[in-house]
N, C-alpha and C. Protein backbone atom coordinates (compact mmCIF):
# COMPACT_ATOMS: atom_id res chain seq x y z
N MET A 1 1.05 -0.93 -0.15
CA MET A 1 -0.16 -0.27 0.18
C MET A 1 1.31 0.93 -0.04
N LYS A 2 0.50 2.31 -0.53
CA LYS A 2 1.27 3.46 -0.74
C LYS A 2 1.04 4.35 0.60
N GLU A 3 1.46 5.55 0.66
CA GLU A 3 1.70 6.17 2.02
C GLU A 3 0.49 7.11 2.19
N ILE A 4 -0.17 7.27 3.05
CA ILE A 4 -1.14 7.82 3.35
C ILE A 4 -1.45 9.26 2.07
N HIS A 5 0.07 10.59 1.94
CA HIS A 5 0.12 10.75 1.42
C HIS A 5 -0.11 10.99 0.65
N GLU A 6 0.16 9.78 -0.72
CA GLU A 6 0.15 10.04 -2.14
C GLU A 6 -1.34 9.61 -2.60
N ILE A 7 -2.22 8.65 -1.07
CA ILE A 7 -3.10 8.12 -2.02
C ILE A 7 -4.27 9.43 -1.62
N LEU A 8 -4.13 10.21 -0.55
CA LEU A 8 -5.38 11.46 -0.48
C LEU A 8 -4.51 12.68 -0.18
N VAL A 9 -5.28 13.47 -1.81
CA VAL A 9 -4.46 14.88 -1.90
C VAL A 9 -5.21 16.01 -1.05
N ALA A 10 -6.60 15.79 -0.81
CA ALA A 10 -6.77 17.29 0.00
C ALA A 10 -8.33 17.18 0.31
N PRO A 11 -8.48 17.77 0.96
CA PRO A 11 -10.43 17.23 0.37
C PRO A 11 -11.11 18.09 -0.25
N HIS A 12 -12.60 18.33 -0.95
CA HIS A 12 -12.94 18.92 -1.65
C HIS A 12 -13.65 19.66 -0.85
N ILE A 13 -13.62 20.50 -1.02
CA ILE A 13 -14.95 21.80 -0.49
C ILE A 13 -15.29 22.68 -1.69
N THR A 14 -16.54 22.15 -1.46
CA THR A 14 -17.62 22.79 -2.33
C THR A 14 -18.71 22.98 -1.33
N GLU A 15 -19.89 23.90 -2.19
CA GLU A 15 -20.81 23.96 -1.07
C GLU A 15 -21.87 22.58 -1.28
N ALA A 16 -21.78 22.10 -2.04
CA ALA A 16 -22.74 20.38 -2.34
C ALA A 16 -22.00 19.86 -0.96
N SER A 17 -20.63 19.58 -1.52
CA SER A 17 -19.85 18.54 -0.08
C SER A 17 -19.82 19.15 0.93
N ALA A 18 -20.60 20.42 1.20
CA ALA A 18 -20.20 20.77 2.90
C ALA A 18 -21.76 20.50 3.29
N LYS A 19 -22.54 20.96 2.46
CA LYS A 19 -24.22 19.78 3.02
C LYS A 19 -24.05 18.87 2.73
N LEU A 20 -23.05 17.89 2.23
CA LEU A 20 -23.02 16.44 2.74
C LEU A 20 -22.40 16.37 4.14
N MET A 21 -21.63 16.51 4.18
CA MET A 21 -21.10 16.79 5.67
C MET A 21 -21.43 17.14 7.35
N THR A 22 -22.54 18.14 6.70
CA THR A 22 -23.53 18.36 8.33
C THR A 22 -25.11 17.87 7.97
N GLY A 23 -25.01 16.63 7.22
CA GLY A 23 -26.76 15.70 7.02
C GLY A 23 -26.32 15.08 8.36
N GLU A 24 -27.48 14.26 7.75
CA GLU A 24 -27.52 12.65 8.65
C GLU A 24 -26.52 11.86 9.34
N VAL A 25 -26.14 11.24 7.79
CA VAL A 25 -25.50 10.37 7.63
C VAL A 25 -24.36 11.47 6.81
N ARG A 26 -23.19 11.00 7.35
CA ARG A 26 -21.62 12.41 7.42
C ARG A 26 -21.05 11.67 5.94
N THR A 27 -20.67 12.41 5.12
CA THR A 27 -20.01 12.20 3.80
C THR A 27 -19.12 13.12 3.09
N TYR A 28 -18.06 12.75 3.07
CA TYR A 28 -16.78 13.71 2.40
C TYR A 28 -16.42 13.65 2.04
N VAL A 29 -16.33 14.18 1.01
CA VAL A 29 -15.21 14.54 -0.44
C VAL A 29 -14.32 14.28 -0.37
N PHE A 30 -13.14 13.82 -0.96
CA PHE A 30 -11.76 13.96 -0.79
C PHE A 30 -11.56 14.01 -2.61
N LYS A 31 -10.50 14.50 -3.09
CA LYS A 31 -9.77 14.30 -4.29
C LYS A 31 -8.43 13.14 -3.84
N VAL A 32 -8.28 12.19 -4.54
CA VAL A 32 -7.31 11.06 -4.44
C VAL A 32 -6.64 10.77 -5.40
N ALA A 33 -5.24 10.08 -5.33
CA ALA A 33 -4.77 9.73 -6.59
C ALA A 33 -5.57 8.91 -7.45
N LYS A 34 -5.61 8.83 -8.55
CA LYS A 34 -5.70 8.54 -9.78
C LYS A 34 -5.96 6.48 -9.30
N ASP A 35 -4.86 5.65 -9.20
CA ASP A 35 -4.56 4.81 -9.45
C ASP A 35 -5.01 4.58 -7.79
N ALA A 36 -5.59 5.36 -7.30
CA ALA A 36 -5.79 4.75 -5.90
C ALA A 36 -7.67 3.75 -5.29
N SER A 37 -7.26 2.44 -5.10
CA SER A 37 -8.10 1.98 -4.45
C SER A 37 -9.17 1.92 -4.38
N LYS A 38 -10.73 0.96 -3.59
CA LYS A 38 -11.75 2.10 -2.96
C LYS A 38 -11.41 1.57 -1.49
N LEU A 39 -10.85 0.11 -0.84
CA LEU A 39 -10.14 -0.19 -0.12
C LEU A 39 -8.52 0.22 0.39
N ASP A 40 -7.82 1.14 -0.46
CA ASP A 40 -6.70 1.53 0.20
C ASP A 40 -7.20 3.16 0.53
N ILE A 41 -8.13 3.60 -0.14
CA ILE A 41 -8.57 4.88 0.13
C ILE A 41 -9.11 4.51 1.56
N LYS A 42 -10.37 3.82 1.38
CA LYS A 42 -10.01 3.45 3.21
C LYS A 42 -9.66 3.68 4.51
N ALA A 43 -8.63 2.79 3.98
CA ALA A 43 -7.51 2.34 5.33
C ALA A 43 -6.55 3.30 5.24
N ALA A 44 -7.13 4.36 4.35
CA ALA A 44 -5.72 5.65 4.30
C ALA A 44 -7.16 7.17 4.94
N ILE A 45 -8.63 7.30 4.61
CA ILE A 45 -9.18 7.94 5.97
C ILE A 45 -9.25 6.68 7.21
N GLU A 46 -9.37 5.95 7.61
CA GLU A 46 -9.36 5.03 9.00
C GLU A 46 -8.34 5.22 9.19
N LYS A 47 -6.80 4.79 9.19
CA LYS A 47 -5.79 5.39 9.80
C LYS A 47 -5.25 7.42 10.08
N ARG A 48 -5.74 7.77 8.82
CA ARG A 48 -5.43 9.37 9.50
C ARG A 48 -6.32 9.91 10.19
N TYR A 49 -7.86 9.87 10.23
CA TYR A 49 -8.58 10.30 10.81
C TYR A 49 -9.17 10.09 11.65
N ASP A 50 -8.88 8.49 11.84
CA ASP A 50 -9.35 7.22 13.10
C ASP A 50 -10.34 7.60 13.62
N VAL A 51 -11.49 7.09 12.14
CA VAL A 51 -13.02 7.20 11.88
C VAL A 51 -13.19 5.60 11.74
N LYS A 52 -14.09 4.97 11.15
CA LYS A 52 -14.72 4.37 11.06
C LYS A 52 -15.59 4.33 9.61
N VAL A 53 -14.99 3.77 8.32
CA VAL A 53 -15.78 3.65 7.25
C VAL A 53 -16.65 3.21 6.47
N ASP A 54 -17.81 3.63 6.95
CA ASP A 54 -19.19 2.49 6.17
C ASP A 54 -19.29 2.09 4.90
N SER A 55 -18.83 3.15 3.42
CA SER A 55 -18.91 2.99 2.09
C SER A 55 -17.75 3.90 2.20
N VAL A 56 -17.27 3.24 0.25
CA VAL A 56 -16.08 4.59 -0.38
C VAL A 56 -17.13 4.61 -1.77
N ASN A 57 -17.51 5.30 -2.28
CA ASN A 57 -17.85 5.89 -3.62
C ASN A 57 -17.19 6.37 -4.45
N THR A 58 -16.66 5.74 -5.67
CA THR A 58 -15.38 6.60 -6.71
C THR A 58 -15.97 7.79 -7.42
N LEU A 59 -15.50 8.77 -8.60
CA LEU A 59 -15.72 8.72 -9.74
C LEU A 59 -14.55 9.45 -10.63
N ILE A 60 -14.47 9.61 -11.86
CA ILE A 60 -13.20 9.85 -12.38
C ILE A 60 -14.09 10.86 -13.13
N ASN A 61 -13.72 11.94 -12.86
CA ASN A 61 -13.79 13.72 -13.15
C ASN A 61 -12.65 14.43 -14.39
N ARG A 62 -13.81 14.13 -15.38
CA ARG A 62 -12.64 13.92 -16.61
C ARG A 62 -12.25 15.10 -16.75
N GLY A 63 -11.07 15.78 -17.40
CA GLY A 63 -10.27 16.93 -17.78
C GLY A 63 -11.20 17.81 -18.46
N LYS A 64 -11.40 19.11 -18.17
CA LYS A 64 -11.86 20.27 -19.17
C LYS A 64 -11.46 20.70 -20.33
N ILE A 65 -11.46 21.10 -21.60
CA ILE A 65 -10.84 21.60 -22.29
C ILE A 65 -10.55 22.53 -22.71
N LYS A 66 -9.32 23.65 -21.88
CA LYS A 66 -9.33 24.68 -21.88
C LYS A 66 -8.70 25.57 -23.48
N ARG A 67 -9.02 27.18 -23.56
CA ARG A 67 -8.21 27.87 -24.33
C ARG A 67 -7.58 28.98 -24.14
N VAL A 68 -5.97 29.46 -24.99
CA VAL A 68 -5.09 30.53 -24.38
C VAL A 68 -5.43 30.46 -25.68
N ARG A 69 -5.85 32.01 -25.99
CA ARG A 69 -5.82 32.59 -27.23
C ARG A 69 -5.73 31.20 -28.94
N LEU A 70 -4.97 30.90 -29.64
CA LEU A 70 -5.33 30.02 -30.19
C LEU A 70 -4.74 28.67 -30.13
N VAL A 71 -3.83 28.36 -28.71
CA VAL A 71 -3.73 26.85 -28.06
C VAL A 71 -5.04 26.23 -27.79
N ALA A 72 -5.39 25.25 -28.17
CA ALA A 72 -6.51 24.72 -26.94
C ALA A 72 -5.65 23.41 -26.11
N GLY A 73 -5.86 23.11 -25.09
CA GLY A 73 -5.34 22.12 -24.42
C GLY A 73 -6.53 20.77 -22.86
N LYS A 74 -6.04 20.50 -22.27
CA LYS A 74 -6.38 19.58 -21.70
C LYS A 74 -6.01 19.63 -20.27
N LYS A 75 -7.43 19.98 -19.49
CA LYS A 75 -7.09 19.82 -17.82
C LYS A 75 -6.74 18.17 -18.09
N SER A 76 -5.74 17.46 -16.63
CA SER A 76 -5.58 16.10 -16.79
C SER A 76 -6.88 15.97 -15.36
N ASN A 77 -7.01 15.21 -16.01
CA ASN A 77 -8.02 14.46 -15.57
C ASN A 77 -8.03 14.16 -13.47
N TRP A 78 -8.74 13.27 -12.69
CA TRP A 78 -8.64 13.21 -10.96
C TRP A 78 -10.03 12.37 -10.70
N LYS A 79 -9.32 11.92 -9.79
CA LYS A 79 -10.89 11.20 -9.44
C LYS A 79 -10.84 11.45 -7.93
N LYS A 80 -12.65 11.24 -7.34
CA LYS A 80 -12.86 11.94 -6.77
C LYS A 80 -13.26 10.59 -5.76
N ALA A 81 -13.39 11.56 -4.19
CA ALA A 81 -13.96 9.90 -3.60
C ALA A 81 -14.58 10.55 -2.18
N TYR A 82 -16.11 9.65 -2.50
CA TYR A 82 -16.98 9.98 -1.74
C TYR A 82 -17.01 9.10 -0.28
N ILE A 83 -15.93 9.37 0.60
CA ILE A 83 -16.58 8.63 1.73
C ILE A 83 -17.96 8.96 3.04
N THR A 84 -18.37 7.95 3.01
CA THR A 84 -19.21 7.14 3.75
C THR A 84 -18.70 6.85 5.72
N LEU A 85 -19.07 8.22 6.58
CA LEU A 85 -18.21 8.01 7.61
C LEU A 85 -19.63 6.52 8.78
N LYS A 86 -19.30 5.90 9.51
CA LYS A 86 -20.62 5.09 10.49
C LYS A 86 -21.33 5.81 11.06
N ALA A 87 -22.66 5.46 11.96
CA ALA A 87 -23.08 6.53 12.98
C ALA A 87 -22.20 6.70 13.39
N GLY A 88 -22.86 8.13 14.18
CA GLY A 88 -21.79 8.60 15.34
C GLY A 88 -20.49 9.33 14.43
N GLN A 89 -20.13 9.01 13.72
CA GLN A 89 -18.43 9.43 13.84
C GLN A 89 -18.61 10.88 12.63
N LYS A 90 -17.70 11.44 12.95
CA LYS A 90 -17.50 12.14 12.50
C LYS A 90 -16.14 12.62 12.20
N ILE A 91 -15.73 13.84 11.18
CA ILE A 91 -14.21 14.60 11.23
C ILE A 91 -14.25 16.08 11.88
N ALA A 92 -12.87 16.26 12.46
CA ALA A 92 -13.52 16.80 13.71
C ALA A 92 -12.34 18.18 12.73
N GLU A 93 -11.94 17.59 12.12
CA GLU A 93 -10.47 18.66 11.02
C GLU A 93 -11.56 19.43 10.34
N LEU A 94 -11.61 18.72 9.66
CA LEU A 94 -13.04 19.13 8.49
C LEU A 94 -14.15 19.69 8.82
N GLU A 95 -14.55 19.85 10.05
CA GLU A 95 -15.87 19.87 10.53
C GLU A 95 -16.09 22.04 10.33
N GLY A 96 -17.07 22.57 9.88
CA GLY A 96 -16.96 24.03 9.92
C GLY A 96 -16.13 24.70 8.86
N VAL A 97 -15.94 23.99 8.02
CA VAL A 97 -15.05 24.57 7.09
C VAL A 97 -15.55 24.87 5.99
């Protein structure tokens, strides 16, 4: 297994993800390494934040095509993970962000 900092890139904080964090069921969104499996992500979250993970859902966000003057380029793809915690669990570091 890779190191935790190689698997978890950063928490993905948006309006929609902030609503998921505050509900009855705590769901957190993270940017993760593209080659990380669900089991790797689950183990990294449990080790890093000392919580119990109920489920992990992942998806690949496709990079957008951007233009600068006449040159067209493409942003790279990235992977997003939705982490649902067991009842009564929360990540204190991400509360109130």
